[in-house]
PDB file of all heavy atoms in Angstrom:
ATOM      1  N   ALA A   1      32.522 -78.144  50.400  1.00  0.00           N
ATOM      2  CA  ALA A   1      33.534 -77.734  51.473  1.00  0.00           C
ATOM      3  C   ALA A   1      32.912 -78.004  52.824  1.00  0.00           C
ATOM      4  O   ALA A   1      33.655 -78.526  53.724  1.00  0.00           O
ATOM      5  CB  ALA A   1      33.878 -76.297  51.353  1.00  0.00           C
ATOM      6  N   SER A   2      31.620 -77.775  53.033  1.00  0.00           N
ATOM      7  CA  SER A   2      31.051 -78.064  54.338  1.00  0.00           C
ATOM      8  C   SER A   2      30.970 -79.576  54.582  1.00  0.00           C
ATOM      9  O   SER A   2      31.114 -80.075  55.700  1.00  0.00           O
ATOM     10  CB  SER A   2      29.634 -77.469  54.434  1.00  0.00           C
ATOM     11  OG  SER A   2      28.708 -78.115  53.590  1.00  0.00           O
ATOM     12  N   ILE A   3      30.726 -80.374  53.500  1.00  0.00           N
ATOM     13  CA  ILE A   3      30.754 -81.833  53.611  1.00  0.00           C
ATOM     14  C   ILE A   3      32.146 -82.330  54.042  1.00  0.00           C
ATOM     15  O   ILE A   3      32.271 -83.179  54.896  1.00  0.00           O
ATOM     16  CB  ILE A   3      30.298 -82.505  52.351  1.00  0.00           C
ATOM     17  CG1 ILE A   3      28.803 -82.212  52.092  1.00  0.00           C
ATOM     18  CG2 ILE A   3      30.523 -84.022  52.425  1.00  0.00           C
ATOM     19  CD1 ILE A   3      28.298 -82.633  50.726  1.00  0.00           C
ATOM     20  N   ALA A   4      33.189 -81.756  53.480  1.00  0.00           N
ATOM     21  CA  ALA A   4      34.536 -82.146  53.780  1.00  0.00           C
ATOM     22  C   ALA A   4      34.854 -81.974  55.238  1.00  0.00           C
ATOM     23  O   ALA A   4      35.569 -82.766  55.844  1.00  0.00           O
ATOM     24  CB  ALA A   4      35.564 -81.322  52.898  1.00  0.00           C
ATOM     25  N   ASP A   5      34.291 -80.922  55.816  1.00  0.00           N
ATOM     26  CA  ASP A   5      34.467 -80.672  57.255  1.00  0.00           C
ATOM     27  C   ASP A   5      33.887 -81.760  58.159  1.00  0.00           C
ATOM     28  O   ASP A   5      34.279 -81.922  59.295  1.00  0.00           O
ATOM     29  CB  ASP A   5      33.878 -79.283  57.661  1.00  0.00           C
ATOM     30  CG  ASP A   5      34.663 -78.144  57.109  1.00  0.00           C
ATOM     31  OD1 ASP A   5      35.882 -78.321  56.821  1.00  0.00           O
ATOM     32  OD2 ASP A   5      34.090 -77.049  57.002  1.00  0.00           O
ATOM     33  N   THR A   6      32.933 -82.572  57.631  1.00  0.00           N
ATOM     34  CA  THR A   6      32.305 -83.590  58.444  1.00  0.00           C
ATOM     35  C   THR A   6      32.996 -84.950  58.369  1.00  0.00           C
ATOM     36  O   THR A   6      32.626 -85.832  59.151  1.00  0.00           O
ATOM     37  CB  THR A   6      30.796 -83.776  58.005  1.00  0.00           C
ATOM     38  OG1 THR A   6      30.776 -84.386  56.653  1.00  0.00           O
ATOM     39  CG2 THR A   6      30.060 -82.457  57.971  1.00  0.00           C
ATOM     40  N   ILE A   7      33.934 -85.108  57.389  1.00  0.00           N
ATOM     41  CA  ILE A   7      34.558 -86.390  57.237  1.00  0.00           C
ATOM     42  C   ILE A   7      35.598 -86.559  58.336  1.00  0.00           C
ATOM     43  O   ILE A   7      36.470 -85.708  58.524  1.00  0.00           O
ATOM     44  CB  ILE A   7      35.200 -86.493  55.851  1.00  0.00           C
ATOM     45  CG1 ILE A   7      34.150 -86.311  54.798  1.00  0.00           C
ATOM     46  CG2 ILE A   7      35.855 -87.893  55.692  1.00  0.00           C
ATOM     47  CD1 ILE A   7      34.773 -86.157  53.380  1.00  0.00           C
ATOM     48  N   SER A   8      35.545 -87.722  59.041  1.00  0.00           N
ATOM     49  CA  SER A   8      36.475 -87.944  60.153  1.00  0.00           C
ATOM     50  C   SER A   8      37.848 -88.447  59.649  1.00  0.00           C
ATOM     51  O   SER A   8      37.889 -89.234  58.721  1.00  0.00           O
ATOM     52  CB  SER A   8      35.860 -88.912  61.170  1.00  0.00           C
ATOM     53  OG  SER A   8      36.005 -90.211  60.687  1.00  0.00           O
ATOM     54  N   ASP A   9      38.874 -88.063  60.384  1.00  0.00           N
ATOM     55  CA  ASP A   9      40.223 -88.555  60.067  1.00  0.00           C
ATOM     56  C   ASP A   9      40.280 -90.099  60.280  1.00  0.00           C
ATOM     57  O   ASP A   9      40.964 -90.808  59.544  1.00  0.00           O
ATOM     58  CB  ASP A   9      41.269 -87.942  60.977  1.00  0.00           C
ATOM     59  CG  ASP A   9      41.502 -86.444  60.602  1.00  0.00           C
ATOM     60  OD1 ASP A   9      41.320 -86.113  59.440  1.00  0.00           O
ATOM     61  OD2 ASP A   9      41.912 -85.694  61.493  1.00  0.00           O
ATOM     62  N   GLU A  10      39.507 -90.618  61.209  1.00  0.00           N
ATOM     63  CA  GLU A  10      39.488 -92.056  61.505  1.00  0.00           C
ATOM     64  C   GLU A  10      38.980 -92.799  60.296  1.00  0.00           C
ATOM     65  O   GLU A  10      39.527 -93.827  59.878  1.00  0.00           O
ATOM     66  CB  GLU A  10      38.627 -92.350  62.718  1.00  0.00           C
ATOM     67  CG  GLU A  10      38.633 -93.766  63.120  1.00  0.00           C
ATOM     68  CD  GLU A  10      37.791 -94.067  64.375  1.00  0.00           C
ATOM     69  OE1 GLU A  10      37.245 -93.087  64.921  1.00  0.00           O
ATOM     70  OE2 GLU A  10      37.644 -95.220  64.697  1.00  0.00           O
ATOM     71  N   GLU A  11      37.897 -92.263  59.697  1.00  0.00           N
ATOM     72  CA  GLU A  11      37.355 -92.928  58.515  1.00  0.00           C
ATOM     73  C   GLU A  11      38.354 -92.921  57.350  1.00  0.00           C
ATOM     74  O   GLU A  11      38.547 -93.943  56.633  1.00  0.00           O
ATOM     75  CB  GLU A  11      36.068 -92.217  58.056  1.00  0.00           C
ATOM     76  CG  GLU A  11      34.884 -92.432  59.017  1.00  0.00           C
ATOM     77  CD  GLU A  11      33.732 -91.587  58.650  1.00  0.00           C
ATOM     78  OE1 GLU A  11      33.681 -90.877  57.611  1.00  0.00           O
ATOM     79  OE2 GLU A  11      32.707 -91.572  59.397  1.00  0.00           O
ATOM     80  N   VAL A  12      38.988 -91.732  57.127  1.00  0.00           N
ATOM     81  CA  VAL A  12      39.896 -91.604  56.024  1.00  0.00           C
ATOM     82  C   VAL A  12      41.141 -92.510  56.232  1.00  0.00           C
ATOM     83  O   VAL A  12      41.564 -93.221  55.311  1.00  0.00           O
ATOM     84  CB  VAL A  12      40.379 -90.112  55.922  1.00  0.00           C
ATOM     85  CG1 VAL A  12      41.559 -90.038  54.939  1.00  0.00           C
ATOM     86  CG2 VAL A  12      39.235 -89.236  55.470  1.00  0.00           C
ATOM     87  N   ASN A  13      41.673 -92.547  57.472  1.00  0.00           N
ATOM     88  CA  ASN A  13      42.853 -93.379  57.749  1.00  0.00           C
ATOM     89  C   ASN A  13      42.552 -94.870  57.577  1.00  0.00           C
ATOM     90  O   ASN A  13      43.387 -95.628  57.106  1.00  0.00           O
ATOM     91  CB  ASN A  13      43.406 -93.095  59.158  1.00  0.00           C
ATOM     92  CG  ASN A  13      44.014 -91.677  59.220  1.00  0.00           C
ATOM     93  OD1 ASN A  13      44.439 -91.123  58.168  1.00  0.00           O
ATOM     94  ND2 ASN A  13      44.042 -91.098  60.385  1.00  0.00           N
ATOM     95  N   GLY A  14      41.330 -95.250  57.968  1.00  0.00           N
ATOM     96  CA  GLY A  14      40.936 -96.622  57.772  1.00  0.00           C
ATOM     97  C   GLY A  14      40.830 -97.026  56.338  1.00  0.00           C
ATOM     98  O   GLY A  14      41.266 -98.085  55.917  1.00  0.00           O
ATOM     99  N   PHE A  15      40.294 -96.112  55.560  1.00  0.00           N
ATOM    100  CA  PHE A  15      40.207 -96.287  54.146  1.00  0.00           C
ATOM    101  C   PHE A  15      41.567 -96.442  53.455  1.00  0.00           C
ATOM    102  O   PHE A  15      41.818 -97.348  52.705  1.00  0.00           O
ATOM    103  CB  PHE A  15      39.338 -95.200  53.487  1.00  0.00           C
ATOM    104  CG  PHE A  15      39.110 -95.328  52.024  1.00  0.00           C
ATOM    105  CD1 PHE A  15      38.482 -96.450  51.504  1.00  0.00           C
ATOM    106  CD2 PHE A  15      39.471 -94.324  51.134  1.00  0.00           C
ATOM    107  CE1 PHE A  15      38.218 -96.588  50.112  1.00  0.00           C
ATOM    108  CE2 PHE A  15      39.179 -94.396  49.757  1.00  0.00           C
ATOM    109  CZ  PHE A  15      38.549 -95.548  49.292  1.00  0.00           C
ATOM    110  N   LEU A  16      42.452 -95.474  53.801  1.00  0.00           N
ATOM    111  CA  LEU A  16      43.805 -95.507  53.257  1.00  0.00           C
ATOM    112  C   LEU A  16      44.500 -96.826  53.625  1.00  0.00           C
ATOM    113  O   LEU A  16      45.210 -97.417  52.812  1.00  0.00           O
ATOM    114  CB  LEU A  16      44.576 -94.335  53.751  1.00  0.00           C
ATOM    115  CG  LEU A  16      44.258 -92.937  53.182  1.00  0.00           C
ATOM    116  CD1 LEU A  16      44.831 -91.802  53.976  1.00  0.00           C
ATOM    117  CD2 LEU A  16      44.701 -92.849  51.704  1.00  0.00           C
ATOM    118  N   ASP A  17      44.379 -97.273  54.888  1.00  0.00           N
ATOM    119  CA  ASP A  17      44.971 -98.473  55.379  1.00  0.00           C
ATOM    120  C   ASP A  17      44.512 -99.706  54.536  1.00  0.00           C
ATOM    121  O   ASP A  17      45.344-100.532  54.131  1.00  0.00           O
ATOM    122  CB  ASP A  17      44.668 -98.676  56.820  1.00  0.00           C
ATOM    123  CG  ASP A  17      45.462 -99.783  57.447  1.00  0.00           C
ATOM    124  OD1 ASP A  17      46.737 -99.710  57.357  1.00  0.00           O
ATOM    125  OD2 ASP A  17      44.931-100.707  58.041  1.00  0.00           O
ATOM    126  N   LEU A  18      43.223 -99.760  54.274  1.00  0.00           N
ATOM    127  CA  LEU A  18      42.677-100.878  53.477  1.00  0.00           C
ATOM    128  C   LEU A  18      43.322-100.842  52.045  1.00  0.00           C
ATOM    129  O   LEU A  18      43.718-101.910  51.529  1.00  0.00           O
ATOM    130  CB  LEU A  18      41.150-100.775  53.371  1.00  0.00           C
ATOM    131  CG  LEU A  18      40.342-101.461  54.455  1.00  0.00           C
ATOM    132  CD1 LEU A  18      38.820-101.354  54.086  1.00  0.00           C
ATOM    133  CD2 LEU A  18      40.697-102.863  54.714  1.00  0.00           C
ATOM    134  N   LEU A  19      43.404 -99.709  51.459  1.00  0.00           N
ATOM    135  CA  LEU A  19      43.949 -99.558  50.081  1.00  0.00           C
ATOM    136  C   LEU A  19      45.409-100.012  50.038  1.00  0.00           C
ATOM    137  O   LEU A  19      45.839-100.760  49.127  1.00  0.00           O
ATOM    138  CB  LEU A  19      43.793 -98.152  49.545  1.00  0.00           C
ATOM    139  CG  LEU A  19      42.360 -97.610  49.348  1.00  0.00           C
ATOM    140  CD1 LEU A  19      42.421 -96.174  48.855  1.00  0.00           C
ATOM    141  CD2 LEU A  19      41.545 -98.512  48.385  1.00  0.00           C
ATOM    142  N   LEU A  20      46.191 -99.587  51.042  1.00  0.00           N
ATOM    143  CA  LEU A  20      47.562 -99.835  51.020  1.00  0.00           C
ATOM    144  C   LEU A  20      47.900-101.325  51.328  1.00  0.00           C
ATOM    145  O   LEU A  20      48.977-101.780  50.909  1.00  0.00           O
ATOM    146  CB  LEU A  20      48.293 -98.973  52.058  1.00  0.00           C
ATOM    147  CG  LEU A  20      48.340 -97.470  51.669  1.00  0.00           C
ATOM    148  CD1 LEU A  20      48.805 -96.608  52.853  1.00  0.00           C
ATOM    149  CD2 LEU A  20      49.283 -97.211  50.492  1.00  0.00           C
ATOM    150  N   LYS A  21      47.004-101.993  52.032  1.00  0.00           N
ATOM    151  CA  LYS A  21      47.256-103.402  52.385  1.00  0.00           C
ATOM    152  C   LYS A  21      46.620-104.355  51.384  1.00  0.00           C
ATOM    153  O   LYS A  21      46.891-105.563  51.425  1.00  0.00           O
ATOM    154  CB  LYS A  21      46.731-103.699  53.771  1.00  0.00           C
ATOM    155  CG  LYS A  21      47.500-103.015  54.879  1.00  0.00           C
ATOM    156  CD  LYS A  21      46.932-103.317  56.221  1.00  0.00           C
ATOM    157  CE  LYS A  21      47.713-102.693  57.376  1.00  0.00           C
ATOM    158  NZ  LYS A  21      47.163-102.894  58.675  1.00  0.00           N
ATOM    159  N   ALA A  22      45.821-103.888  50.457  1.00  0.00           N
ATOM    160  CA  ALA A  22      45.140-104.729  49.518  1.00  0.00           C
ATOM    161  C   ALA A  22      46.063-105.352  48.478  1.00  0.00           C
ATOM    162  O   ALA A  22      47.031-104.704  48.010  1.00  0.00           O
ATOM    163  CB  ALA A  22      44.013-103.925  48.761  1.00  0.00           C
ATOM    164  N   ASP A  23      45.820-106.594  48.143  1.00  0.00           N
ATOM    165  CA  ASP A  23      46.516-107.204  47.003  1.00  0.00           C
ATOM    166  C   ASP A  23      46.102-106.489  45.738  1.00  0.00           C
ATOM    167  O   ASP A  23      46.906-106.118  44.915  1.00  0.00           O
ATOM    168  CB  ASP A  23      46.190-108.723  46.919  1.00  0.00           C
ATOM    169  CG  ASP A  23      46.788-109.508  48.034  1.00  0.00           C
ATOM    170  OD1 ASP A  23      47.732-109.011  48.709  1.00  0.00           O
ATOM    171  OD2 ASP A  23      46.310-110.646  48.324  1.00  0.00           O
ATOM    172  N   ARG A  24      44.755-106.323  45.582  1.00  0.00           N
ATOM    173  CA  ARG A  24      44.196-105.677  44.471  1.00  0.00           C
ATOM    174  C   ARG A  24      42.959-104.884  44.884  1.00  0.00           C
ATOM    175  O   ARG A  24      42.320-105.274  45.898  1.00  0.00           O
ATOM    176  CB  ARG A  24      43.790-106.688  43.357  1.00  0.00           C
ATOM    177  CG  ARG A  24      44.983-107.445  42.761  1.00  0.00           C
ATOM    178  CD  ARG A  24      44.500-108.528  41.753  1.00  0.00           C
ATOM    179  NE  ARG A  24      43.640-109.491  42.431  1.00  0.00           N
ATOM    180  CZ  ARG A  24      43.193-110.601  41.825  1.00  0.00           C
ATOM    181  NH1 ARG A  24      43.522-110.818  40.558  1.00  0.00           N
ATOM    182  NH2 ARG A  24      42.399-111.448  42.457  1.00  0.00           N
ATOM    183  N   ILE A  25      42.662-103.807  44.188  1.00  0.00           N
ATOM    184  CA  ILE A  25      41.559-102.936  44.544  1.00  0.00           C
ATOM    185  C   ILE A  25      40.483-103.011  43.387  1.00  0.00           C
ATOM    186  O   ILE A  25      40.793-102.746  42.234  1.00  0.00           O
ATOM    187  CB  ILE A  25      41.971-101.524  44.771  1.00  0.00           C
ATOM    188  CG1 ILE A  25      43.079-101.477  45.809  1.00  0.00           C
ATOM    189  CG2 ILE A  25      40.809-100.643  45.106  1.00  0.00           C
ATOM    190  CD1 ILE A  25      43.826-100.166  45.859  1.00  0.00           C
ATOM    191  N   TYR A  26      39.258-103.357  43.800  1.00  0.00           N
ATOM    192  CA  TYR A  26      38.151-103.434  42.844  1.00  0.00           C
ATOM    193  C   TYR A  26      37.234-102.279  43.214  1.00  0.00           C
ATOM    194  O   TYR A  26      37.007-101.978  44.339  1.00  0.00           O
ATOM    195  CB  TYR A  26      37.393-104.759  42.977  1.00  0.00           C
ATOM    196  CG  TYR A  26      38.133-105.952  42.478  1.00  0.00           C
ATOM    197  CD1 TYR A  26      39.305-106.397  43.127  1.00  0.00           C
ATOM    198  CD2 TYR A  26      37.707-106.681  41.412  1.00  0.00           C
ATOM    199  CE1 TYR A  26      40.033-107.470  42.642  1.00  0.00           C
ATOM    200  CE2 TYR A  26      38.381-107.779  40.922  1.00  0.00           C
ATOM    201  CZ  TYR A  26      39.590-108.172  41.578  1.00  0.00           C
ATOM    202  OH  TYR A  26      40.283-109.278  41.125  1.00  0.00           O
TER     203      TYR A  26
END
């Protein structure tokens, strides 16, 4: 739970954006 508090929204949104735009995910 304390680790979750350190994760930035910017990192998460960037990750989600890559996944949604990918042709395929490896």
